[in-house]
Amino acid sequence: MTGKYFNFSDVLGYGWRVMKANFWFLVGVGLTFFIITYLPTALRIAVMHLPLSMAIRFPLIISLVLVGWVINIILSIGLIKISLGFCDEQRPAFMALFDTRGCFWRYAATMILYGLIILGGFVLLIVPGVIWGIKFGLCFYFVIDKGLGPIEALKASSRTTMGVKWQLFGFAAIGGLINLLGLLCLIVGIFAAYPTVIIANALVYRQLSAQTPELAEFGIPAVQTVSAPSSNGQNL
């Protein structure tokens, strides 16, 4: 399909307005995400410095790696749910960060498949990995937002990104630059930059999927709209 598009300034502008209107809520979400995500890593470092035998240390480290993987899945699902909620002009509950109902195992399986695809692409001289990363990059939204299984979500992402891969590549580069600038602003700037980018990413998904009639194959109707939500975020 051709003719799909999204406006960089529109989606980033909406993300910025929502971030400003919900700054402290998003700071709380960000701090919680950071602390819980890196707790298993801190514990692994502590275990490695304890006077333990390998028979005890190795199982502990493996267990903490698995715990960290599970935590990452839970919080990643939560961030997507929160960002989609803002795109629907709703104020998400803080506990949505831990809400994995109905999608944990599908998300985990999709993450494994997506990782294998990207790994295979990078083995083939990097460029295919970048292309496939963009092509299938919206799969996680379809798992959470539309309840698709791993294979269906990958196919749906492929349909949705068709014809706009260069746009998505450019948008990802800009998003990465924004986050980098946020980090350089005494680190605290990331609390403004990252929420802006993840909300904008979710809005890109919403807009592109609305312009993809091929998604009817998965029971998803297309609605021709590409504008950002009308709300300025003040009432969310």
Protein backbone atom coordinates (compact mmCIF):
# COMPACT_ATOMS: atom_id res chain seq x y z
CA MET A 1 0.00 0.00 0.00
CA THR A 2 1.20 3.53 -0.76
CA GLY A 3 0.05 6.95 0.30
CA LYS A 4 0.37 6.43 4.06
CA TYR A 5 2.05 9.14 6.05
CA PHE A 6 2.41 10.76 9.44
CA ASN A 7 3.68 14.19 10.37
CA PHE A 8 6.76 14.28 12.58
CA SER A 9 5.93 17.61 14.18
CA ASP A 10 2.30 16.62 14.82
CA VAL A 11 3.08 13.40 16.69
CA LEU A 12 6.06 14.81 18.59
CA GLY A 13 4.09 17.95 19.38
CA TYR A 14 1.28 15.89 20.85
CA GLY A 15 3.75 13.83 22.86
CA TRP A 16 5.32 17.05 24.19
CA ARG A 17 1.97 18.57 25.19
CA VAL A 18 0.85 15.40 26.96
CA MET A 19 4.21 15.15 28.73
CA LYS A 20 3.97 18.73 30.01
CA ALA A 21 0.39 18.27 31.20
CA ASN A 22 1.21 14.99 32.98
CA PHE A 23 4.84 15.60 33.89
CA TRP A 24 4.86 14.39 37.50
CA PHE A 25 2.75 11.36 36.70
CA LEU A 26 5.23 10.41 33.98
CA VAL A 27 8.21 11.11 36.24
CA GLY A 28 6.71 8.67 38.74
CA VAL A 29 6.25 6.09 36.01
CA GLY A 30 9.79 6.64 34.76
CA LEU A 31 11.42 6.39 38.18
CA THR A 32 9.45 3.25 38.99
CA PHE A 33 10.44 1.71 35.67
CA PHE A 34 14.12 2.56 36.20
CA ILE A 35 14.33 1.32 39.79
CA ILE A 36 12.48 -1.95 39.24
CA THR A 37 14.20 -2.69 35.93
CA TYR A 38 17.71 -2.24 37.31
CA LEU A 39 17.12 -3.92 40.68
CA PRO A 40 17.95 -7.44 39.36
CA THR A 41 21.15 -6.05 37.80
CA ALA A 42 22.18 -4.49 41.11
CA LEU A 43 21.48 -7.77 42.88
CA ARG A 44 23.55 -9.69 40.32
CA ILE A 45 26.49 -7.38 40.94
CA ALA A 46 26.09 -7.90 44.68
CA VAL A 47 25.96 -11.68 44.28
CA MET A 48 29.14 -11.66 42.20
CA HIS A 49 30.98 -9.93 45.04
CA LEU A 50 29.73 -12.22 47.79
CA PRO A 51 31.99 -15.04 49.01
CA LEU A 52 29.82 -17.79 47.51
CA SER A 53 30.71 -21.03 45.82
CA MET A 54 29.97 -21.41 42.10
CA ALA A 55 27.36 -24.05 42.95
CA ILE A 56 25.36 -21.31 44.72
CA ARG A 57 26.42 -18.22 42.76
CA PHE A 58 25.64 -19.53 39.26
CA PRO A 59 21.99 -20.53 39.97
CA LEU A 60 21.43 -17.21 41.75
CA ILE A 61 22.75 -15.25 38.78
CA ILE A 62 20.67 -17.26 36.29
CA SER A 63 17.58 -16.76 38.47
CA LEU A 64 18.15 -13.00 38.62
CA VAL A 65 18.61 -12.87 34.84
CA LEU A 66 15.24 -14.61 34.38
CA VAL A 67 13.60 -12.32 36.93
CA GLY A 68 15.01 -9.31 35.10
CA TRP A 69 13.65 -10.63 31.80
CA VAL A 70 10.17 -11.08 33.29
CA ILE A 71 10.26 -7.61 34.85
CA ASN A 72 11.30 -6.11 31.52
CA ILE A 73 8.34 -7.74 29.78
CA ILE A 74 5.85 -6.60 32.43
CA LEU A 75 7.02 -2.98 32.44
CA SER A 76 7.36 -2.81 28.64
CA ILE A 77 3.75 -3.91 28.31
CA GLY A 78 2.77 -1.30 30.88
CA LEU A 79 4.56 1.52 29.07
CA ILE A 80 2.83 0.67 25.81
CA LYS A 81 -0.57 0.55 27.54
CA ILE A 82 0.07 3.93 29.17
CA SER A 83 1.24 5.53 25.92
CA LEU A 84 -1.75 4.15 24.00
CA GLY A 85 -4.07 5.44 26.71
CA PHE A 86 -2.73 8.96 26.24
CA CYS A 87 -3.15 8.61 22.47
CA ASP A 88 -6.80 7.75 23.11
CA GLU A 89 -7.04 10.97 25.18
CA GLN A 90 -7.44 9.06 28.43
CA ARG A 91 -5.46 9.48 31.65
CA PRO A 92 -4.07 5.99 32.36
CA ALA A 93 -3.96 4.68 35.92
CA PHE A 94 -0.48 4.36 37.42
CA MET A 95 -1.07 0.63 37.98
CA ALA A 96 -1.40 0.18 34.21
CA LEU A 97 2.39 -0.05 34.34
CA PHE A 98 1.97 -3.52 35.85
CA ASP A 99 -1.09 -4.64 33.89
CA THR A 100 -0.22 -7.66 31.74
CA ARG A 101 -3.68 -9.24 31.60
CA GLY A 102 -4.10 -11.43 28.55
CA CYS A 103 -0.86 -10.54 26.80
CA PHE A 104 2.19 -11.56 28.86
CA TRP A 105 2.95 -14.84 27.09
CA ARG A 106 2.02 -13.51 23.66
CA TYR A 107 4.29 -10.52 24.23
CA ALA A 108 7.13 -12.75 25.45
CA ALA A 109 6.82 -15.03 22.41
CA THR A 110 6.67 -12.04 20.07
CA MET A 111 9.76 -10.54 21.69
CA ILE A 112 11.68 -13.78 21.17
CA LEU A 113 10.63 -14.05 17.52
CA TYR A 114 11.37 -10.38 16.86
CA GLY A 115 14.78 -10.74 18.49
CA LEU A 116 15.62 -13.77 16.36
CA ILE A 117 14.55 -11.93 13.21
CA ILE A 118 16.74 -8.93 14.05
CA LEU A 119 19.64 -11.19 14.99
CA GLY A 120 19.33 -13.03 11.68
CA GLY A 121 19.24 -9.71 9.84
CA PHE A 122 22.39 -8.44 11.51
CA VAL A 123 24.15 -11.69 10.70
CA LEU A 124 23.34 -10.87 7.06
CA LEU A 125 25.58 -7.77 7.06
CA ILE A 126 23.52 -5.47 9.32
CA VAL A 127 21.33 -3.74 6.72
CA PRO A 128 18.62 -6.46 6.65
CA GLY A 129 18.52 -6.26 10.45
CA VAL A 130 17.75 -2.55 10.30
CA ILE A 131 15.11 -3.04 7.59
CA TRP A 132 13.44 -5.93 9.42
CA GLY A 133 13.62 -4.02 12.69
CA ILE A 134 11.54 -1.26 11.12
CA LYS A 135 9.29 -3.63 9.18
CA PHE A 136 8.26 -5.62 12.25
CA GLY A 137 8.79 -2.89 14.85
CA LEU A 138 5.08 -2.24 15.46
CA CYS A 139 4.33 -5.86 16.33
CA PHE A 140 4.24 -5.26 20.09
CA TYR A 141 1.48 -2.67 19.73
CA PHE A 142 -0.65 -5.18 17.85
CA VAL A 143 -0.12 -7.79 20.56
CA ILE A 144 -1.24 -5.41 23.31
CA ASP A 145 -3.74 -3.20 21.51
CA LYS A 146 -5.42 -5.71 19.20
CA GLY A 147 -4.80 -9.01 20.98
CA LEU A 148 -2.95 -10.60 18.06
CA GLY A 149 -0.67 -13.61 18.43
CA PRO A 150 3.05 -13.39 17.63
CA ILE A 151 2.88 -14.42 13.96
CA GLU A 152 -0.20 -12.31 13.26
CA ALA A 153 1.36 -9.30 15.01
CA LEU A 154 4.51 -9.58 12.90
CA LYS A 155 2.42 -9.82 9.73
CA ALA A 156 0.27 -6.87 10.81
CA SER A 157 3.37 -4.77 11.45
CA SER A 158 4.71 -5.71 8.02
CA ARG A 159 1.45 -4.56 6.38
CA THR A 160 1.37 -1.34 8.40
CA THR A 161 4.95 -0.24 7.74
CA MET A 162 4.76 -0.94 4.01
CA GLY A 163 5.60 2.21 2.08
CA VAL A 164 6.74 4.24 5.10
CA LYS A 165 9.94 2.50 6.19
CA TRP A 166 12.14 5.48 5.35
CA GLN A 167 9.83 7.77 7.29
CA LEU A 168 9.94 5.40 10.25
CA PHE A 169 13.73 5.17 10.03
CA GLY A 170 13.99 8.96 10.09
CA PHE A 171 11.53 9.20 12.95
CA ALA A 172 13.47 6.60 14.97
CA ALA A 173 16.67 8.59 14.38
CA ILE A 174 15.02 11.81 15.57
CA GLY A 175 13.56 10.02 18.60
CA GLY A 176 16.97 8.65 19.49
CA LEU A 177 18.50 12.11 19.16
CA ILE A 178 15.82 13.61 21.40
CA ASN A 179 16.48 11.00 24.07
CA LEU A 180 20.24 11.56 23.79
CA LEU A 181 19.77 15.30 24.24
CA GLY A 182 17.59 14.56 27.25
CA LEU A 183 20.39 12.54 28.81
CA LEU A 184 22.92 15.26 28.09
CA CYS A 185 20.75 17.82 29.89
CA LEU A 186 22.12 16.75 33.27
CA ILE A 187 20.29 13.42 32.83
CA VAL A 188 17.01 14.85 34.22
CA GLY A 189 16.04 15.91 30.71
CA ILE A 190 15.29 12.28 29.90
CA PHE A 191 12.17 12.55 32.07
CA ALA A 192 10.80 14.98 29.49
CA ALA A 193 12.35 13.47 26.37
CA TYR A 194 11.53 9.79 26.79
CA PRO A 195 7.78 10.18 27.55
CA THR A 196 7.47 12.57 24.61
CA VAL A 197 9.02 10.00 22.28
CA ILE A 198 7.11 6.93 23.50
CA ILE A 199 3.77 8.74 23.29
CA ALA A 200 4.68 9.97 19.80
CA ASN A 201 5.65 6.41 18.81
CA ALA A 202 2.29 5.09 19.98
CA LEU A 203 0.52 7.80 18.00
CA VAL A 204 2.49 6.85 14.88
CA TYR A 205 1.25 3.28 15.35
CA ARG A 206 -2.32 4.53 15.73
CA GLN A 207 -2.14 6.70 12.63
CA LEU A 208 -0.45 4.18 10.35
CA SER A 209 -2.66 1.27 11.39
CA ALA A 210 -5.70 3.46 10.73
CA GLN A 211 -4.46 3.90 7.14
CA THR A 212 -3.87 0.20 6.46
CA PRO A 213 -6.94 -1.55 5.05
CA GLU A 214 -4.93 -4.78 4.73
CA LEU A 215 -5.33 -5.17 8.49
CA ALA A 216 -8.90 -6.28 7.84
CA GLU A 217 -7.28 -9.69 7.41
CA PHE A 218 -6.81 -9.64 11.18
CA GLY A 219 -10.22 -8.16 11.97
CA ILE A 220 -8.87 -4.60 12.29
CA PRO A 221 -10.85 -1.95 10.37
CA ALA A 222 -9.01 0.95 8.68
CA VAL A 223 -10.08 4.52 9.39
CA GLN A 224 -8.57 7.18 7.19
CA THR A 225 -7.28 9.69 9.74
CA VAL A 226 -3.77 10.95 10.28
CA SER A 227 -4.26 13.95 12.54
CA ALA A 228 -3.07 14.10 16.13
CA PRO A 229 -5.77 13.93 18.83
CA SER A 230 -7.55 17.22 19.31
CA SER A 231 -6.77 17.42 23.02
CA ASN A 232 -3.74 19.43 24.08
CA GLY A 233 -3.25 17.09 27.00
CA GLN A 234 -4.42 19.54 29.64
CA ASN A 235 -7.44 17.49 30.64
CA LEU A 236 -5.79 14.08 30.62
